[in-house]
């Protein structure tokens, strides 16, 4: 059996992709950083497998989730806190925003 047979339900790649898709659909509609990052990884996996239309749909869903959490907006002044957790979250949001922007462009 060839690894490139992404459509064959007997391959591990197909089963893994099906499970990832099932978990993706179970997630709430609320966007979060992990879901956005997972969408980009799913897009990459789809593109490598030769199913670019599916991969692009994952990018679109990641962008929609990013818009839902206002990832591309500057943080409101009241939300800037000088603690380490807030700084890490701000860095994570910035890195994810750049990843989404670069991937979809």
N, C-alpha and C. Protein backbone atom coordinates (compact mmCIF):
# COMPACT_ATOMS: atom_id res chain seq x y z
N UNK A 1 0.83 -1.17 0.00
CA UNK A 1 0.00 0.00 0.00
C UNK A 1 0.89 1.25 0.00
N UNK A 2 0.59 2.19 -0.84
CA UNK A 2 1.39 3.40 -0.96
C UNK A 2 0.99 4.44 0.08
N UNK A 3 1.98 5.15 0.63
CA UNK A 3 1.69 6.22 1.58
C UNK A 3 0.96 7.37 0.91
N UNK A 4 1.10 7.49 -0.40
CA UNK A 4 0.51 8.61 -1.11
C UNK A 4 -0.99 8.42 -1.36
N UNK A 5 -1.54 7.29 -1.00
CA UNK A 5 -2.96 7.04 -1.22
C UNK A 5 -3.78 7.64 -0.08
N UNK A 6 -3.87 8.98 -0.06
CA UNK A 6 -4.56 9.66 1.03
C UNK A 6 -6.04 9.36 1.04
N UNK A 7 -6.60 8.91 -0.05
CA UNK A 7 -8.02 8.62 -0.16
C UNK A 7 -8.37 7.21 0.31
N UNK A 8 -7.40 6.38 0.52
CA UNK A 8 -7.61 4.98 0.90
C UNK A 8 -7.87 4.91 2.41
N UNK A 9 -9.07 4.49 2.84
CA UNK A 9 -9.38 4.48 4.27
C UNK A 9 -8.61 3.45 5.08
N UNK A 10 -7.85 2.59 4.44
CA UNK A 10 -7.06 1.59 5.17
C UNK A 10 -5.68 2.11 5.57
N UNK A 11 -5.28 3.27 5.09
CA UNK A 11 -3.96 3.79 5.43
C UNK A 11 -4.01 4.55 6.75
N UNK A 12 -2.89 4.58 7.44
CA UNK A 12 -2.81 5.32 8.69
C UNK A 12 -2.99 6.82 8.46
N UNK A 13 -2.50 7.31 7.34
CA UNK A 13 -2.65 8.74 7.03
C UNK A 13 -4.11 9.13 6.94
N UNK A 14 -4.92 8.31 6.27
CA UNK A 14 -6.34 8.59 6.13
C UNK A 14 -7.01 8.55 7.50
N UNK A 15 -6.70 7.52 8.29
CA UNK A 15 -7.32 7.37 9.60
C UNK A 15 -6.94 8.52 10.53
N UNK A 16 -5.68 8.94 10.47
CA UNK A 16 -5.23 10.07 11.27
C UNK A 16 -5.95 11.35 10.85
N UNK A 17 -6.03 11.57 9.54
CA UNK A 17 -6.70 12.77 9.04
C UNK A 17 -8.18 12.78 9.43
N UNK A 18 -8.81 11.62 9.38
CA UNK A 18 -10.22 11.53 9.75
C UNK A 18 -10.41 11.84 11.24
N UNK A 19 -9.50 11.35 12.07
CA UNK A 19 -9.59 11.62 13.51
C UNK A 19 -9.33 13.09 13.80
N UNK A 20 -8.37 13.68 13.13
CA UNK A 20 -8.09 15.10 13.31
C UNK A 20 -9.31 15.91 12.90
N UNK A 21 -9.91 15.55 11.79
CA UNK A 21 -11.10 16.27 11.32
C UNK A 21 -12.25 16.12 12.32
N UNK A 22 -12.41 14.91 12.88
CA UNK A 22 -13.48 14.68 13.85
C UNK A 22 -13.27 15.56 15.08
N UNK A 23 -12.03 15.63 15.57
CA UNK A 23 -11.73 16.47 16.73
C UNK A 23 -11.90 17.95 16.41
N UNK A 24 -11.53 18.34 15.21
CA UNK A 24 -11.68 19.73 14.76
C UNK A 24 -13.15 20.12 14.78
N UNK A 25 -14.01 19.23 14.27
CA UNK A 25 -15.44 19.51 14.22
C UNK A 25 -16.09 19.52 15.60
N UNK A 26 -15.52 18.77 16.54
CA UNK A 26 -16.06 18.73 17.90
C UNK A 26 -15.76 20.00 18.68
N UNK A 27 -14.71 20.69 18.31
CA UNK A 27 -14.34 21.92 19.01
C UNK A 27 -15.46 22.95 18.90
N UNK A 28 -15.53 23.81 19.86
CA UNK A 28 -16.54 24.86 19.82
C UNK A 28 -16.23 25.82 18.67
N UNK A 29 -17.21 26.62 18.35
CA UNK A 29 -17.03 27.59 17.27
C UNK A 29 -16.14 28.75 17.68
N UNK A 30 -15.95 28.91 18.98
CA UNK A 30 -15.09 29.99 19.46
C UNK A 30 -13.66 29.73 19.02
N UNK A 31 -13.03 30.73 18.49
CA UNK A 31 -11.64 30.57 18.07
C UNK A 31 -10.69 30.65 19.25
N UNK A 32 -9.63 29.92 19.18
CA UNK A 32 -8.55 30.05 20.13
C UNK A 32 -7.25 29.81 19.38
N UNK A 33 -6.14 30.13 20.02
CA UNK A 33 -4.85 30.05 19.33
C UNK A 33 -4.54 28.63 18.88
N UNK A 34 -4.85 27.65 19.70
CA UNK A 34 -4.55 26.26 19.34
C UNK A 34 -5.34 25.82 18.11
N UNK A 35 -6.60 26.21 18.03
CA UNK A 35 -7.41 25.84 16.86
C UNK A 35 -6.88 26.52 15.59
N UNK A 36 -6.45 27.74 15.72
CA UNK A 36 -5.90 28.47 14.57
C UNK A 36 -4.62 27.80 14.10
N UNK A 37 -3.74 27.47 15.04
CA UNK A 37 -2.49 26.81 14.68
C UNK A 37 -2.75 25.43 14.10
N UNK A 38 -3.72 24.71 14.65
CA UNK A 38 -4.07 23.39 14.12
C UNK A 38 -4.59 23.50 12.69
N UNK A 39 -5.33 24.54 12.40
CA UNK A 39 -5.82 24.75 11.04
C UNK A 39 -4.69 24.92 10.04
N UNK A 40 -3.64 25.62 10.45
CA UNK A 40 -2.49 25.79 9.56
C UNK A 40 -1.74 24.48 9.35
N UNK A 41 -1.61 23.68 10.41
CA UNK A 41 -0.95 22.38 10.28
C UNK A 41 -1.78 21.46 9.40
N UNK A 42 -3.11 21.47 9.58
CA UNK A 42 -3.98 20.65 8.74
C UNK A 42 -3.89 21.09 7.27
N UNK A 43 -3.75 22.38 7.06
CA UNK A 43 -3.59 22.88 5.70
C UNK A 43 -2.30 22.36 5.08
N UNK A 44 -1.23 22.40 5.84
CA UNK A 44 0.06 21.89 5.35
C UNK A 44 -0.05 20.41 5.01
N UNK A 45 -0.65 19.62 5.89
CA UNK A 45 -0.79 18.18 5.65
C UNK A 45 -1.64 17.92 4.41
N UNK A 46 -2.68 18.70 4.21
CA UNK A 46 -3.53 18.53 3.03
C UNK A 46 -2.77 18.91 1.76
N UNK A 47 -2.03 20.00 1.82
CA UNK A 47 -1.28 20.44 0.64
C UNK A 47 -0.22 19.42 0.24
N UNK A 48 0.45 18.83 1.22
CA UNK A 48 1.47 17.82 0.94
C UNK A 48 0.84 16.59 0.30
N UNK A 49 -0.40 16.29 0.69
CA UNK A 49 -1.09 15.12 0.15
C UNK A 49 -1.71 15.39 -1.22
N UNK A 50 -1.64 16.61 -1.69
CA UNK A 50 -2.16 16.93 -3.01
C UNK A 50 -3.62 17.33 -3.04
N UNK A 51 -4.19 17.60 -1.88
CA UNK A 51 -5.58 18.05 -1.86
C UNK A 51 -5.61 19.52 -1.42
N UNK A 52 -5.18 20.37 -2.32
CA UNK A 52 -5.00 21.79 -2.04
C UNK A 52 -6.31 22.49 -1.69
N UNK A 53 -7.42 22.10 -2.33
CA UNK A 53 -8.69 22.76 -2.04
C UNK A 53 -9.10 22.55 -0.59
N UNK A 54 -8.88 21.36 -0.08
CA UNK A 54 -9.17 21.08 1.33
C UNK A 54 -8.22 21.88 2.21
N UNK A 55 -6.96 21.93 1.83
CA UNK A 55 -5.96 22.68 2.59
C UNK A 55 -6.30 24.16 2.66
N UNK A 56 -6.77 24.71 1.56
CA UNK A 56 -7.12 26.13 1.55
C UNK A 56 -8.33 26.39 2.44
N UNK A 57 -9.26 25.44 2.50
CA UNK A 57 -10.42 25.58 3.37
C UNK A 57 -9.98 25.65 4.84
N UNK A 58 -8.98 24.87 5.20
CA UNK A 58 -8.47 24.93 6.58
C UNK A 58 -7.86 26.31 6.87
N UNK A 59 -7.18 26.88 5.89
CA UNK A 59 -6.62 28.22 6.07
C UNK A 59 -7.75 29.23 6.26
N UNK A 60 -8.81 29.11 5.45
CA UNK A 60 -9.95 30.02 5.59
C UNK A 60 -10.58 29.90 6.98
N UNK A 61 -10.71 28.68 7.48
CA UNK A 61 -11.27 28.49 8.82
C UNK A 61 -10.35 29.07 9.89
N UNK A 62 -9.04 28.94 9.70
CA UNK A 62 -8.09 29.52 10.65
C UNK A 62 -8.20 31.04 10.65
N UNK A 63 -8.34 31.64 9.47
CA UNK A 63 -8.49 33.10 9.37
C UNK A 63 -9.80 33.53 10.03
N UNK A 64 -10.88 32.79 9.80
CA UNK A 64 -12.16 33.12 10.43
C UNK A 64 -12.06 33.04 11.95
N UNK A 65 -11.38 32.01 12.46
CA UNK A 65 -11.19 31.87 13.90
C UNK A 65 -10.34 33.01 14.44
N UNK A 66 -9.33 33.42 13.68
CA UNK A 66 -8.48 34.54 14.09
C UNK A 66 -9.28 35.84 14.16
N UNK A 67 -10.16 36.03 13.19
CA UNK A 67 -11.01 37.23 13.22
C UNK A 67 -11.96 37.18 14.40
N UNK A 68 -12.45 35.99 14.73
CA UNK A 68 -13.40 35.84 15.84
C UNK A 68 -12.79 36.26 17.17
N UNK A 69 -11.50 35.99 17.35
CA UNK A 69 -10.85 36.39 18.61
C UNK A 69 -10.10 37.71 18.47
N UNK A 70 -10.31 38.37 17.34
CA UNK A 70 -9.70 39.68 17.06
C UNK A 70 -8.18 39.61 17.16
N UNK A 71 -7.61 38.58 16.54
CA UNK A 71 -6.18 38.34 16.61
C UNK A 71 -5.37 39.42 15.90
N UNK A 72 -5.95 40.01 14.87
CA UNK A 72 -5.22 41.00 14.07
C UNK A 72 -5.40 42.42 14.60
N UNK A 73 -6.22 42.58 15.62
CA UNK A 73 -6.43 43.90 16.21
C UNK A 73 -5.37 44.15 17.29
N UNK A 74 -5.00 45.40 17.50
CA UNK A 74 -4.07 45.67 18.61
C UNK A 74 -4.80 45.42 19.93
N UNK A 75 -4.08 44.98 20.94
CA UNK A 75 -4.74 44.73 22.23
C UNK A 75 -5.25 46.03 22.83
N UNK A 76 -6.42 45.99 23.44
CA UNK A 76 -6.93 47.20 24.11
C UNK A 76 -5.98 47.63 25.23
N UNK A 77 -5.93 48.91 25.49
CA UNK A 77 -5.00 49.45 26.49
C UNK A 77 -5.22 48.83 27.86
N UNK A 78 -6.45 48.55 28.23
CA UNK A 78 -6.74 48.01 29.55
C UNK A 78 -6.29 46.57 29.73
N UNK A 79 -6.02 45.86 28.64
CA UNK A 79 -5.63 44.46 28.73
C UNK A 79 -4.12 44.25 28.84
N UNK A 80 -3.36 45.30 28.73
CA UNK A 80 -1.91 45.16 28.85
C UNK A 80 -1.54 45.08 30.32
N UNK A 81 -1.05 43.92 30.72
CA UNK A 81 -0.66 43.70 32.11
C UNK A 81 0.84 43.39 32.15
N UNK A 82 1.53 43.89 33.14
CA UNK A 82 2.99 43.69 33.17
C UNK A 82 3.43 42.36 33.81
N UNK A 83 2.60 41.31 33.76
CA UNK A 83 3.06 40.04 34.35
C UNK A 83 3.55 39.11 33.25
N UNK A 84 4.21 38.05 33.65
CA UNK A 84 4.85 37.14 32.69
C UNK A 84 3.82 36.39 31.85
N UNK A 85 2.70 36.00 32.44
CA UNK A 85 1.68 35.25 31.70
C UNK A 85 1.08 36.11 30.58
N UNK A 86 0.81 37.35 30.89
CA UNK A 86 0.25 38.25 29.89
C UNK A 86 1.26 38.50 28.77
N UNK A 87 2.52 38.62 29.11
CA UNK A 87 3.55 38.84 28.11
C UNK A 87 3.68 37.63 27.19
N UNK A 88 3.60 36.42 27.77
CA UNK A 88 3.67 35.20 26.95
C UNK A 88 2.47 35.10 26.03
N UNK A 89 1.28 35.44 26.55
CA UNK A 89 0.08 35.38 25.72
C UNK A 89 0.15 36.40 24.60
N UNK A 90 0.64 37.58 24.88
CA UNK A 90 0.79 38.60 23.85
C UNK A 90 1.78 38.15 22.77
N UNK A 91 2.88 37.52 23.19
CA UNK A 91 3.86 37.01 22.22
C UNK A 91 3.26 35.87 21.40
N UNK A 92 2.50 35.01 22.03
CA UNK A 92 1.87 33.89 21.32
C UNK A 92 0.85 34.40 20.31
N UNK A 93 0.09 35.39 20.70
CA UNK A 93 -0.90 35.97 19.77
C UNK A 93 -0.20 36.63 18.58
N UNK A 94 0.88 37.34 18.86
CA UNK A 94 1.61 38.01 17.78
C UNK A 94 2.22 37.00 16.82
N UNK A 95 2.83 35.95 17.35
CA UNK A 95 3.43 34.93 16.50
C UNK A 95 2.37 34.21 15.67
N UNK A 96 1.24 33.90 16.28
CA UNK A 96 0.15 33.23 15.54
C UNK A 96 -0.42 34.15 14.47
N UNK A 97 -0.56 35.42 14.78
CA UNK A 97 -1.07 36.37 13.79
C UNK A 97 -0.14 36.45 12.58
N UNK A 98 1.17 36.51 12.83
CA UNK A 98 2.13 36.54 11.73
C UNK A 98 2.09 35.23 10.94
N UNK A 99 1.95 34.11 11.63
CA UNK A 99 1.89 32.81 10.93
C UNK A 99 0.68 32.74 10.02
N UNK A 100 -0.46 33.17 10.51
CA UNK A 100 -1.69 33.15 9.70
C UNK A 100 -1.52 34.08 8.50
N UNK A 101 -1.02 35.28 8.76
CA UNK A 101 -0.84 36.25 7.68
C UNK A 101 0.11 35.71 6.60
N UNK A 102 1.25 35.19 7.04
CA UNK A 102 2.23 34.70 6.07
C UNK A 102 1.73 33.47 5.33
N UNK A 103 1.03 32.60 6.01
CA UNK A 103 0.56 31.35 5.38
C UNK A 103 -0.51 31.65 4.33
N UNK A 104 -1.43 32.56 4.63
CA UNK A 104 -2.51 32.81 3.69
C UNK A 104 -2.10 33.74 2.56
N UNK A 105 -0.99 34.43 2.74
CA UNK A 105 -0.55 35.31 1.65
C UNK A 105 0.31 34.53 0.72
